[in-house]
Structure formats: structure tokens, C-alpha cells
Amino acid sequence: QLQAFGGGLVQPGGSLNLSCITSGVDLDYYAIGWFRQAPGKEREGVICISETEAVTFFEESVRGRFTIFRDKATRTVYLQMDTLRPEDTAVYYCALRFWGCTGTGPFDSWGQGTQVTVSS
């Protein structure tokens, strides 16, 4: 399972950096995606980084505000979230997918999420 950390309470316009610990995962073969689930809503994809470091935005509203990057040495994938909005409030999860951010295969190894709350 992957482990997501770094959530918290932040004011609108603020920033947070989430971490996804991918212990034992060879990032040369797996894409890592970030997903979120707001209260009363279905889980949705946010952004993904592939094994070749190609970035896919699943949610267009975060383009220009969220950045994904990874550190292969520590097997950690980060989600830098800037200019946060109240509608970004959700539990954020990371998950992995073999070979690419898109395709027919599922994302897997969901771990516990981390709560992000954007509120004044």
C-alpha cells in the first residue's frame, strides 16, 4: 500500500505539499496518481506522473496550481498544491498503475488518505 501524508487546514490562496511514500515500488515501471474525494462526492482523479515522468492532468481545474514530481531515490511522489480553493477540500489519496497514467488497467494499492481542508 502507498501512504499519503501532509494534509491539513489552509486558508484560501495558501499552499500545501503532500507526500506519497511508495515503499518497494519501482518507479521505473509504475505511474503514481493523486486522487481526491470530497464529502458526498465520488472519488476523482487529480493528476498523475508516469514512469517516464510524463504528467497527466485528470482534473483541469488544478492545472497551473498543482504540480507533481517524484524523488526516485526516496521513492516519494509529491503533490505541490498552490493557490488552494475551498473546492479543493477533500481526502487526497495516491495510488499506482503499471505502465502509464492512462489505459485500461486500474490504479491499485490505495492507502489511507490525507485530509486537505481549505477554509478561512
C-alpha atoms as a PDB file:
ATOM      1  CA  GLN A   1       0.000   0.000   0.000  1.00  0.00           C
ATOM      2  CA  LEU A   2       1.024   3.550  -0.596  1.00  0.00           C
ATOM      3  CA  GLN A   3       0.936   6.113   2.190  1.00  0.00           C
ATOM      4  CA  ALA A   4      -0.146   9.711   1.740  1.00  0.00           C
ATOM      5  CA  PHE A   5       0.890  12.445   4.156  1.00  0.00           C
ATOM      6  CA  GLY A   6       0.914  16.196   4.505  1.00  0.00           C
ATOM      7  CA  GLY A   7      -2.688  17.286   4.628  1.00  0.00           C
ATOM      8  CA  GLY A   8      -4.004  19.997   6.883  1.00  0.00           C
ATOM      9  CA  LEU A   9      -6.049  23.141   7.214  1.00  0.00           C
ATOM     10  CA  VAL A  10      -5.066  26.058   4.994  1.00  0.00           C
ATOM     11  CA  GLN A  11      -6.652  29.346   4.056  1.00  0.00           C
ATOM     12  CA  PRO A  12      -7.827  30.032   0.512  1.00  0.00           C
ATOM     13  CA  GLY A  13      -4.871  31.023  -1.605  1.00  0.00           C
ATOM     14  CA  GLY A  14      -2.489  29.037   0.562  1.00  0.00           C
ATOM     15  CA  SER A  15      -0.249  26.077  -0.249  1.00  0.00           C
ATOM     16  CA  LEU A  16       0.296  22.520   0.897  1.00  0.00           C
ATOM     17  CA  ASN A  17       2.741  19.828  -0.145  1.00  0.00           C
ATOM     18  CA  LEU A  18       1.546  16.230   0.021  1.00  0.00           C
ATOM     19  CA  SER A  19       3.850  13.230   0.031  1.00  0.00           C
ATOM     20  CA  CYS A  20       3.160   9.713  -1.227  1.00  0.00           C
ATOM     21  CA  ILE A  21       5.519   7.081   0.157  1.00  0.00           C
ATOM     22  CA  THR A  22       5.894   4.266  -2.375  1.00  0.00           C
ATOM     23  CA  SER A  23       7.999   1.799  -0.415  1.00  0.00           C
ATOM     24  CA  GLY A  24       9.093  -1.160  -2.520  1.00  0.00           C
ATOM     25  CA  VAL A  25       7.699   0.281  -5.749  1.00  0.00           C
ATOM     26  CA  ASP A  26       9.975   0.526  -8.745  1.00  0.00           C
ATOM     27  CA  LEU A  27       9.067   3.894 -10.197  1.00  0.00           C
ATOM     28  CA  ASP A  28      10.712   2.915 -13.480  1.00  0.00           C
ATOM     29  CA  TYR A  29       7.636   0.776 -14.134  1.00  0.00           C
ATOM     30  CA  TYR A  30       4.773   2.407 -12.256  1.00  0.00           C
ATOM     31  CA  ALA A  31       2.821   5.615 -12.639  1.00  0.00           C
ATOM     32  CA  ILE A  32       1.636   7.325  -9.467  1.00  0.00           C
ATOM     33  CA  GLY A  33      -1.633   9.206  -9.420  1.00  0.00           C
ATOM     34  CA  TRP A  34      -3.260  11.520  -6.926  1.00  0.00           C
ATOM     35  CA  PHE A  35      -6.985  11.294  -6.375  1.00  0.00           C
ATOM     36  CA  ARG A  36      -9.419  13.056  -4.071  1.00  0.00           C
ATOM     37  CA  GLN A  37     -12.831  12.528  -2.590  1.00  0.00           C
ATOM     38  CA  ALA A  38     -14.898  15.385  -1.244  1.00  0.00           C
ATOM     39  CA  PRO A  39     -17.775  14.790   1.176  1.00  0.00           C
ATOM     40  CA  GLY A  40     -20.801  13.443  -0.624  1.00  0.00           C
ATOM     41  CA  LYS A  41     -18.955  13.117  -3.921  1.00  0.00           C
ATOM     42  CA  GLU A  42     -17.312  10.319  -5.843  1.00  0.00           C
ATOM     43  CA  ARG A  43     -13.570   9.956  -5.882  1.00  0.00           C
ATOM     44  CA  GLU A  44     -11.978  11.764  -8.804  1.00  0.00           C
ATOM     45  CA  GLY A  45      -8.574  11.732 -10.408  1.00  0.00           C
ATOM     46  CA  VAL A  46      -6.450  14.833  -9.988  1.00  0.00           C
ATOM     47  CA  ILE A  47      -3.027  14.385 -11.535  1.00  0.00           C
ATOM     48  CA  CYS A  48      -0.558  11.622 -12.383  1.00  0.00           C
ATOM     49  CA  ILE A  49       3.134  11.179 -13.141  1.00  0.00           C
ATOM     50  CA  SER A  50       4.186   8.270 -15.308  1.00  0.00           C
ATOM     51  CA  GLU A  51       7.258   6.062 -15.145  1.00  0.00           C
ATOM     52  CA  THR A  52       8.805   8.359 -17.786  1.00  0.00           C
ATOM     53  CA  GLU A  53       7.830  11.448 -15.745  1.00  0.00           C
ATOM     54  CA  ALA A  54       5.112  12.482 -18.164  1.00  0.00           C
ATOM     55  CA  VAL A  55       2.375  14.376 -16.330  1.00  0.00           C
ATOM     56  CA  THR A  56      -1.334  13.853 -16.941  1.00  0.00           C
ATOM     57  CA  PHE A  57      -3.988  16.160 -15.537  1.00  0.00           C
ATOM     58  CA  PHE A  58      -7.212  14.327 -14.764  1.00  0.00           C
ATOM     59  CA  GLU A  59      -8.809  17.480 -13.315  1.00  0.00           C
ATOM     60  CA  GLU A  60      -8.401  20.638 -15.378  1.00  0.00           C
ATOM     61  CA  SER A  61      -9.227  22.982 -12.503  1.00  0.00           C
ATOM     62  CA  VAL A  62      -5.855  22.222 -10.894  1.00  0.00           C
ATOM     63  CA  ARG A  63      -3.735  22.949 -13.956  1.00  0.00           C
ATOM     64  CA  GLY A  64      -1.404  25.815 -13.188  1.00  0.00           C
ATOM     65  CA  ARG A  65      -1.929  25.385  -9.444  1.00  0.00           C
ATOM     66  CA  PHE A  66      -0.872  21.796  -8.691  1.00  0.00           C
ATOM     67  CA  THR A  67       2.492  20.262  -9.544  1.00  0.00           C
ATOM     68  CA  ILE A  68       3.507  16.624  -9.283  1.00  0.00           C
ATOM     69  CA  PHE A  69       7.089  15.444  -9.067  1.00  0.00           C
ATOM     70  CA  ARG A  70       8.970  12.493  -7.726  1.00  0.00           C
ATOM     71  CA  ASP A  71      12.206  11.565  -5.984  1.00  0.00           C
ATOM     72  CA  LYS A  72      13.275   8.139  -7.166  1.00  0.00           C
ATOM     73  CA  ALA A  73      15.988   7.878  -4.523  1.00  0.00           C
ATOM     74  CA  THR A  74      13.471   8.089  -1.680  1.00  0.00           C
ATOM     75  CA  ARG A  75      10.596   6.579  -3.719  1.00  0.00           C
ATOM     76  CA  THR A  76       8.429   9.526  -2.816  1.00  0.00           C
ATOM     77  CA  VAL A  77       5.964  11.320  -5.070  1.00  0.00           C
ATOM     78  CA  TYR A  78       4.974  14.840  -4.127  1.00  0.00           C
ATOM     79  CA  LEU A  79       1.919  16.941  -4.864  1.00  0.00           C
ATOM     80  CA  GLN A  80       2.608  20.644  -4.510  1.00  0.00           C
ATOM     81  CA  MET A  81      -0.700  22.472  -4.237  1.00  0.00           C
ATOM     82  CA  ASP A  82      -0.701  26.254  -4.606  1.00  0.00           C
ATOM     83  CA  THR A  83      -3.468  28.846  -4.740  1.00  0.00           C
ATOM     84  CA  LEU A  84      -5.795  26.460  -2.965  1.00  0.00           C
ATOM     85  CA  ARG A  85      -9.536  26.954  -3.191  1.00  0.00           C
ATOM     86  CA  PRO A  86     -12.338  25.816  -0.889  1.00  0.00           C
ATOM     87  CA  GLU A  87     -13.455  23.398  -3.615  1.00  0.00           C
ATOM     88  CA  ASP A  88     -10.110  21.604  -3.273  1.00  0.00           C
ATOM     89  CA  THR A  89     -11.233  20.388   0.146  1.00  0.00           C
ATOM     90  CA  ALA A  90     -11.184  16.587   0.113  1.00  0.00           C
ATOM     91  CA  VAL A  91      -9.386  13.493   1.300  1.00  0.00           C
ATOM     92  CA  TYR A  92      -6.423  13.011  -1.017  1.00  0.00           C
ATOM     93  CA  TYR A  93      -5.149   9.553  -1.939  1.00  0.00           C
ATOM     94  CA  CYS A  94      -2.288   8.252  -4.018  1.00  0.00           C
ATOM     95  CA  ALA A  95      -2.284   5.019  -5.989  1.00  0.00           C
ATOM     96  CA  LEU A  96      -0.127   3.277  -8.547  1.00  0.00           C
ATOM     97  CA  ARG A  97      -0.671   1.899 -12.011  1.00  0.00           C
ATOM     98  CA  PHE A  98       1.623  -0.334 -14.000  1.00  0.00           C
ATOM     99  CA  TRP A  99       2.972   1.386 -17.080  1.00  0.00           C
ATOM    100  CA  GLY A 100       1.362   4.722 -17.663  1.00  0.00           C
ATOM    101  CA  CYS A 101      -1.250   7.097 -16.291  1.00  0.00           C
ATOM    102  CA  THR A 102      -3.921   6.151 -18.813  1.00  0.00           C
ATOM    103  CA  GLY A 103      -5.192   2.918 -20.286  1.00  0.00           C
ATOM    104  CA  THR A 104      -7.449   0.085 -19.314  1.00  0.00           C
ATOM    105  CA  GLY A 105      -5.659  -1.136 -16.225  1.00  0.00           C
ATOM    106  CA  PRO A 106      -6.794   0.054 -12.807  1.00  0.00           C
ATOM    107  CA  PHE A 107      -4.993   2.111 -10.222  1.00  0.00           C
ATOM    108  CA  ASP A 108      -4.062  -0.019  -7.242  1.00  0.00           C
ATOM    109  CA  SER A 109      -2.524  -0.144  -3.771  1.00  0.00           C
ATOM    110  CA  TRP A 110      -4.700   2.550  -2.315  1.00  0.00           C
ATOM    111  CA  GLY A 111      -3.564   3.542   1.122  1.00  0.00           C
ATOM    112  CA  GLN A 112      -5.043   5.789   3.725  1.00  0.00           C
ATOM    113  CA  GLY A 113      -5.747   9.279   2.517  1.00  0.00           C
ATOM    114  CA  THR A 114      -4.824  12.621   3.963  1.00  0.00           C
ATOM    115  CA  GLN A 115      -7.374  15.324   4.678  1.00  0.00           C
ATOM    116  CA  VAL A 116      -6.982  18.695   2.986  1.00  0.00           C
ATOM    117  CA  THR A 117      -9.289  21.451   4.186  1.00  0.00           C
ATOM    118  CA  VAL A 118      -9.277  24.874   2.553  1.00  0.00           C
ATOM    119  CA  SER A 119     -11.202  27.333   4.646  1.00  0.00           C
ATOM    120  CA  SER A 120     -10.945  30.789   6.137  1.00  0.00           C
END
